[in-house]
């Protein structure tokens, strides 16, 4: 039998709501928050007295993330050869699609199809 992946009949059927109710989730959150002080004390203890460097770093990172938020990651995107990203193709296609819709509406065709692109318009 295959392990993991998509299998017929596996998982929750579409449209069936998750059995974990919103109220139960809120109760779990409330219970977890009751242990915030002891959890923070445990992290501080690991940072100061942890036996391994990895454990101390992980605990320090957890404390900093909770105190200051996770650091932001910036991503720089460029187009061909490091130039600007070209949007002209997308704009041209959108313009042609909108022109086709307008032409269909004006001509009374209204068949819901973009005559130039051959795609159904929703």
N, C-alpha and C. Protein backbone atom coordinates (compact mmCIF):
# COMPACT_ATOMS: atom_id res chain seq x y z
N UNK A 1 0.84 -1.17 0.00
CA UNK A 1 0.00 0.00 0.00
C UNK A 1 0.89 1.24 0.00
N UNK A 2 0.52 2.23 -0.78
CA UNK A 2 1.30 3.45 -0.88
C UNK A 2 1.21 4.24 0.42
N UNK A 3 2.33 4.78 0.84
CA UNK A 3 2.36 5.62 2.03
C UNK A 3 2.36 7.07 1.60
N UNK A 4 1.45 7.87 2.12
CA UNK A 4 1.39 9.28 1.77
C UNK A 4 0.84 9.51 0.38
N UNK A 5 0.73 10.74 0.02
CA UNK A 5 0.24 11.08 -1.31
C UNK A 5 -1.28 10.97 -1.40
N UNK A 6 -1.79 11.22 -2.58
CA UNK A 6 -3.22 11.20 -2.81
C UNK A 6 -3.68 9.77 -3.08
N UNK A 7 -4.69 9.34 -2.31
CA UNK A 7 -5.23 8.00 -2.49
C UNK A 7 -6.75 8.10 -2.52
N UNK A 8 -7.41 7.31 -3.35
CA UNK A 8 -8.88 7.33 -3.40
C UNK A 8 -9.47 7.02 -2.02
N UNK A 9 -10.43 7.83 -1.62
CA UNK A 9 -11.11 7.59 -0.35
C UNK A 9 -10.38 8.08 0.88
N UNK A 10 -9.17 8.59 0.73
CA UNK A 10 -8.40 9.05 1.89
C UNK A 10 -8.77 10.49 2.22
N UNK A 11 -8.68 10.82 3.48
CA UNK A 11 -8.88 12.20 3.90
C UNK A 11 -10.35 12.54 4.13
N UNK A 12 -10.58 13.77 4.50
CA UNK A 12 -11.92 14.27 4.77
C UNK A 12 -12.59 14.60 3.44
N UNK A 13 -13.82 14.15 3.22
CA UNK A 13 -14.52 14.45 1.97
C UNK A 13 -14.72 15.95 1.79
N UNK A 14 -14.76 16.40 0.56
CA UNK A 14 -14.99 17.82 0.28
C UNK A 14 -16.33 18.26 0.84
N UNK A 15 -16.35 19.46 1.38
CA UNK A 15 -17.57 20.02 1.92
C UNK A 15 -17.88 19.63 3.35
N UNK A 16 -17.20 18.63 3.88
CA UNK A 16 -17.43 18.22 5.27
C UNK A 16 -16.55 19.08 6.16
N UNK A 17 -17.18 19.72 7.14
CA UNK A 17 -16.43 20.62 8.01
C UNK A 17 -15.53 19.85 8.95
N UNK A 18 -14.42 20.51 9.32
CA UNK A 18 -13.49 19.93 10.29
C UNK A 18 -14.21 19.76 11.61
N UNK A 19 -13.99 18.63 12.27
CA UNK A 19 -14.68 18.35 13.52
C UNK A 19 -14.18 19.20 14.68
N UNK A 20 -12.97 19.74 14.56
CA UNK A 20 -12.45 20.62 15.61
C UNK A 20 -13.20 21.93 15.50
N UNK A 21 -14.07 22.18 16.43
CA UNK A 21 -14.91 23.36 16.38
C UNK A 21 -14.14 24.59 16.82
N UNK A 22 -14.63 25.74 16.39
CA UNK A 22 -13.98 27.01 16.73
C UNK A 22 -13.88 27.18 18.24
N UNK A 23 -14.93 26.83 18.96
CA UNK A 23 -14.92 26.95 20.41
C UNK A 23 -13.86 26.07 21.06
N UNK A 24 -13.69 24.87 20.52
CA UNK A 24 -12.66 23.97 21.04
C UNK A 24 -11.27 24.55 20.81
N UNK A 25 -11.08 25.17 19.64
CA UNK A 25 -9.79 25.78 19.34
C UNK A 25 -9.51 26.92 20.31
N UNK A 26 -10.52 27.74 20.56
CA UNK A 26 -10.33 28.85 21.49
C UNK A 26 -10.04 28.34 22.89
N UNK A 27 -10.66 27.24 23.29
CA UNK A 27 -10.39 26.67 24.60
C UNK A 27 -8.95 26.18 24.68
N UNK A 28 -8.49 25.51 23.64
CA UNK A 28 -7.11 25.04 23.60
C UNK A 28 -6.14 26.22 23.67
N UNK A 29 -6.42 27.29 22.93
CA UNK A 29 -5.55 28.47 22.98
C UNK A 29 -5.52 29.05 24.39
N UNK A 30 -6.68 29.13 25.03
CA UNK A 30 -6.74 29.67 26.39
C UNK A 30 -5.93 28.81 27.35
N UNK A 31 -6.07 27.49 27.24
CA UNK A 31 -5.32 26.60 28.11
C UNK A 31 -3.81 26.72 27.88
N UNK A 32 -3.42 26.84 26.62
CA UNK A 32 -1.99 26.98 26.32
C UNK A 32 -1.45 28.29 26.87
N UNK A 33 -2.23 29.35 26.79
CA UNK A 33 -1.77 30.65 27.28
C UNK A 33 -1.61 30.68 28.79
N UNK A 34 -2.31 29.79 29.48
CA UNK A 34 -2.16 29.72 30.93
C UNK A 34 -0.75 29.27 31.33
N UNK A 35 -0.03 28.65 30.40
CA UNK A 35 1.32 28.14 30.68
C UNK A 35 2.41 29.02 30.07
N UNK A 36 2.05 30.22 29.66
CA UNK A 36 3.02 31.10 29.02
C UNK A 36 4.19 31.40 29.94
N UNK A 37 3.92 31.75 31.18
CA UNK A 37 5.00 32.14 32.10
C UNK A 37 5.97 30.98 32.32
N UNK A 38 5.45 29.77 32.54
CA UNK A 38 6.36 28.65 32.77
C UNK A 38 7.12 28.27 31.49
N UNK A 39 6.48 28.42 30.34
CA UNK A 39 7.16 28.13 29.08
C UNK A 39 8.30 29.11 28.85
N UNK A 40 8.06 30.39 29.12
CA UNK A 40 9.12 31.38 28.97
C UNK A 40 10.26 31.13 29.95
N UNK A 41 9.92 30.77 31.17
CA UNK A 41 10.96 30.45 32.17
C UNK A 41 11.80 29.27 31.69
N UNK A 42 11.14 28.27 31.11
CA UNK A 42 11.87 27.10 30.62
C UNK A 42 12.81 27.50 29.47
N UNK A 43 12.35 28.37 28.58
CA UNK A 43 13.21 28.82 27.49
C UNK A 43 14.41 29.60 28.01
N UNK A 44 14.17 30.48 28.99
CA UNK A 44 15.27 31.25 29.58
C UNK A 44 16.26 30.31 30.25
N UNK A 45 15.76 29.29 30.94
CA UNK A 45 16.63 28.31 31.60
C UNK A 45 17.49 27.58 30.57
N UNK A 46 16.91 27.22 29.45
CA UNK A 46 17.67 26.53 28.40
C UNK A 46 18.72 27.47 27.80
N UNK A 47 18.37 28.74 27.60
CA UNK A 47 19.33 29.70 27.05
C UNK A 47 20.53 29.84 27.98
N UNK A 48 20.28 29.89 29.29
CA UNK A 48 21.38 30.12 30.23
C UNK A 48 22.09 28.84 30.68
N UNK A 49 21.36 27.73 30.75
CA UNK A 49 21.95 26.51 31.31
C UNK A 49 21.92 25.31 30.36
N UNK A 50 21.49 25.50 29.13
CA UNK A 50 21.36 24.39 28.21
C UNK A 50 22.68 23.67 27.99
N UNK A 51 22.60 22.34 27.84
CA UNK A 51 23.81 21.54 27.69
C UNK A 51 24.41 21.60 26.30
N UNK A 52 23.58 21.83 25.29
CA UNK A 52 24.12 21.88 23.93
C UNK A 52 23.94 23.28 23.35
N UNK A 53 24.86 23.62 22.48
CA UNK A 53 24.80 24.93 21.83
C UNK A 53 23.54 25.04 20.98
N UNK A 54 23.17 23.94 20.32
CA UNK A 54 21.98 23.95 19.48
C UNK A 54 20.72 24.25 20.27
N UNK A 55 20.62 23.65 21.47
CA UNK A 55 19.45 23.89 22.31
C UNK A 55 19.41 25.35 22.77
N UNK A 56 20.57 25.90 23.13
CA UNK A 56 20.62 27.30 23.58
C UNK A 56 20.24 28.25 22.45
N UNK A 57 20.73 27.97 21.24
CA UNK A 57 20.41 28.82 20.09
C UNK A 57 18.92 28.73 19.76
N UNK A 58 18.36 27.51 19.75
CA UNK A 58 16.94 27.35 19.46
C UNK A 58 16.07 28.08 20.49
N UNK A 59 16.43 27.98 21.76
CA UNK A 59 15.67 28.66 22.81
C UNK A 59 15.79 30.17 22.68
N UNK A 60 17.00 30.65 22.40
CA UNK A 60 17.21 32.09 22.23
C UNK A 60 16.41 32.61 21.04
N UNK A 61 16.41 31.86 19.96
CA UNK A 61 15.65 32.25 18.76
C UNK A 61 14.16 32.31 19.08
N UNK A 62 13.66 31.31 19.80
CA UNK A 62 12.24 31.29 20.18
C UNK A 62 11.89 32.51 21.03
N UNK A 63 12.75 32.85 21.97
CA UNK A 63 12.48 34.02 22.81
C UNK A 63 12.48 35.31 21.99
N UNK A 64 13.48 35.47 21.14
CA UNK A 64 13.55 36.68 20.32
C UNK A 64 12.37 36.79 19.36
N UNK A 65 11.99 35.66 18.76
CA UNK A 65 10.85 35.67 17.84
C UNK A 65 9.56 36.09 18.54
N UNK A 66 9.39 35.62 19.76
CA UNK A 66 8.18 35.97 20.49
C UNK A 66 8.21 37.40 21.01
N UNK A 67 9.40 37.88 21.33
CA UNK A 67 9.52 39.23 21.86
C UNK A 67 9.51 40.32 20.80
N UNK A 68 10.13 40.03 19.65
CA UNK A 68 10.29 41.06 18.62
C UNK A 68 9.64 40.69 17.30
N UNK A 69 9.14 39.47 17.17
CA UNK A 69 8.59 39.01 15.90
C UNK A 69 9.69 38.41 15.06
N UNK A 70 9.29 37.58 14.12
CA UNK A 70 10.28 36.95 13.24
C UNK A 70 10.86 37.99 12.30
N UNK A 71 12.13 37.86 11.96
CA UNK A 71 12.73 38.83 11.04
C UNK A 71 12.09 38.73 9.66
N UNK A 72 11.97 39.86 9.02
CA UNK A 72 11.39 39.89 7.67
C UNK A 72 12.42 39.45 6.66
N UNK A 73 11.93 38.82 5.62
CA UNK A 73 12.80 38.39 4.54
C UNK A 73 12.47 39.21 3.31
N UNK A 74 13.47 39.85 2.76
CA UNK A 74 13.23 40.62 1.56
C UNK A 74 13.63 39.80 0.34
N UNK A 75 12.88 39.97 -0.73
CA UNK A 75 13.14 39.26 -1.97
C UNK A 75 13.18 40.28 -3.09
N UNK A 76 14.25 40.23 -3.86
CA UNK A 76 14.38 41.15 -4.99
C UNK A 76 14.14 40.36 -6.27
N UNK A 77 13.23 40.87 -7.09
CA UNK A 77 12.92 40.19 -8.34
C UNK A 77 13.30 41.10 -9.50
N UNK A 78 13.87 40.50 -10.53
CA UNK A 78 14.25 41.26 -11.71
C UNK A 78 13.79 40.51 -12.95
N UNK A 79 13.76 41.23 -14.04
CA UNK A 79 13.40 40.64 -15.32
C UNK A 79 14.62 40.08 -16.01
N UNK A 80 14.52 39.94 -17.33
CA UNK A 80 15.58 39.38 -18.13
C UNK A 80 16.87 40.19 -17.98
N UNK A 81 17.98 39.50 -17.80
CA UNK A 81 19.31 40.11 -17.66
C UNK A 81 19.37 41.15 -16.55
N UNK A 82 18.61 40.96 -15.49
CA UNK A 82 18.65 41.86 -14.34
C UNK A 82 17.86 43.14 -14.54
N UNK A 83 17.18 43.27 -15.64
CA UNK A 83 16.39 44.48 -15.92
C UNK A 83 15.04 44.43 -15.22
N UNK A 84 14.22 45.43 -15.52
CA UNK A 84 12.89 45.48 -14.89
C UNK A 84 12.00 44.34 -15.40
N UNK A 85 11.02 43.99 -14.61
CA UNK A 85 10.06 42.96 -15.00
C UNK A 85 9.10 43.58 -16.01
N UNK A 86 8.94 42.91 -17.14
CA UNK A 86 8.07 43.42 -18.20
C UNK A 86 6.63 42.99 -17.95
N UNK A 87 5.73 43.95 -17.95
CA UNK A 87 4.32 43.67 -17.75
C UNK A 87 3.51 43.88 -19.03
N UNK A 88 4.16 44.27 -20.10
CA UNK A 88 3.47 44.61 -21.33
C UNK A 88 2.67 43.43 -21.88
N UNK A 89 3.23 42.23 -21.85
CA UNK A 89 2.52 41.07 -22.39
C UNK A 89 1.22 40.82 -21.64
N UNK A 90 1.25 40.94 -20.34
CA UNK A 90 0.05 40.72 -19.53
C UNK A 90 -0.97 41.80 -19.84
N UNK A 91 -0.52 43.06 -19.92
CA UNK A 91 -1.44 44.15 -20.22
C UNK A 91 -2.06 44.00 -21.60
N UNK A 92 -1.24 43.61 -22.59
CA UNK A 92 -1.75 43.42 -23.95
C UNK A 92 -2.82 42.33 -23.98
N UNK A 93 -2.55 41.22 -23.33
CA UNK A 93 -3.52 40.12 -23.31
C UNK A 93 -4.81 40.54 -22.61
N UNK A 94 -4.69 41.26 -21.49
CA UNK A 94 -5.87 41.73 -20.78
C UNK A 94 -6.67 42.70 -21.66
N UNK A 95 -5.97 43.63 -22.32
CA UNK A 95 -6.65 44.57 -23.21
C UNK A 95 -7.41 43.84 -24.32
N UNK A 96 -6.78 42.83 -24.94
CA UNK A 96 -7.44 42.08 -26.01
C UNK A 96 -8.66 41.34 -25.47
N UNK A 97 -8.54 40.78 -24.28
CA UNK A 97 -9.66 40.06 -23.68
C UNK A 97 -10.82 41.00 -23.40
N UNK A 98 -10.52 42.16 -22.82
CA UNK A 98 -11.57 43.13 -22.50
C UNK A 98 -12.22 43.68 -23.77
N UNK A 99 -11.42 43.90 -24.81
CA UNK A 99 -11.97 44.37 -26.08
C UNK A 99 -12.91 43.32 -26.67
N UNK A 100 -12.53 42.05 -26.56
CA UNK A 100 -13.39 40.98 -27.06
C UNK A 100 -14.70 40.90 -26.30
N UNK A 101 -14.65 41.08 -25.00
CA UNK A 101 -15.87 41.06 -24.18
C UNK A 101 -16.76 42.23 -24.58
N UNK A 102 -16.16 43.41 -24.70
CA UNK A 102 -16.94 44.59 -25.07
C UNK A 102 -17.57 44.41 -26.44
N UNK A 103 -16.82 43.85 -27.40
CA UNK A 103 -17.36 43.63 -28.74
C UNK A 103 -18.53 42.66 -28.70
N UNK A 104 -18.40 41.60 -27.91
CA UNK A 104 -19.49 40.62 -27.79
C UNK A 104 -20.73 41.25 -27.18
N UNK A 105 -20.54 42.10 -26.19
CA UNK A 105 -21.68 42.74 -25.54
C UNK A 105 -22.35 43.73 -26.48
N UNK A 106 -21.54 44.46 -27.25
CA UNK A 106 -22.07 45.45 -28.19
C UNK A 106 -22.83 44.78 -29.32
N UNK A 107 -22.30 43.66 -29.82
CA UNK A 107 -22.92 42.95 -30.94
C UNK A 107 -24.07 42.07 -30.48
N UNK A 108 -24.27 41.98 -29.19
CA UNK A 108 -25.36 41.15 -28.67
C UNK A 108 -25.04 39.68 -28.70
N UNK A 109 -23.79 39.33 -28.97
CA UNK A 109 -23.42 37.91 -29.04
C UNK A 109 -23.55 37.30 -27.66
N UNK A 110 -22.87 37.88 -26.69
CA UNK A 110 -22.98 37.45 -25.30
C UNK A 110 -22.81 35.96 -25.08
N UNK A 111 -21.94 35.32 -25.86
CA UNK A 111 -21.76 33.88 -25.69
C UNK A 111 -20.77 33.52 -24.60
N UNK A 112 -20.20 34.55 -23.94
CA UNK A 112 -19.28 34.27 -22.84
C UNK A 112 -17.92 33.80 -23.27
N UNK A 113 -17.57 33.95 -24.54
CA UNK A 113 -16.26 33.50 -25.01
C UNK A 113 -15.48 34.68 -25.55
N UNK A 114 -14.20 34.71 -25.24
CA UNK A 114 -13.31 35.72 -25.79
C UNK A 114 -12.94 35.24 -27.19
N UNK A 115 -13.41 35.97 -28.21
CA UNK A 115 -13.23 35.49 -29.58
C UNK A 115 -11.77 35.40 -29.98
N UNK A 116 -10.92 36.28 -29.46
CA UNK A 116 -9.52 36.26 -29.87
C UNK A 116 -8.73 35.18 -29.15
N UNK A 117 -8.94 35.07 -27.83
CA UNK A 117 -8.16 34.12 -27.06
C UNK A 117 -8.79 32.74 -27.04
N UNK A 118 -10.11 32.66 -27.35
CA UNK A 118 -10.77 31.37 -27.35
C UNK A 118 -10.99 30.82 -25.95
N UNK A 119 -11.03 31.68 -24.95
CA UNK A 119 -11.19 31.23 -23.58
C UNK A 119 -12.54 31.68 -23.05
N UNK A 120 -13.08 30.90 -22.14
CA UNK A 120 -14.34 31.26 -21.52
C UNK A 120 -14.09 32.40 -20.56
N UNK A 121 -14.94 33.42 -20.61
CA UNK A 121 -14.81 34.58 -19.73
C UNK A 121 -15.82 34.43 -18.61
N UNK A 122 -15.34 34.58 -17.37
CA UNK A 122 -16.22 34.43 -16.21
C UNK A 122 -16.44 35.76 -15.57
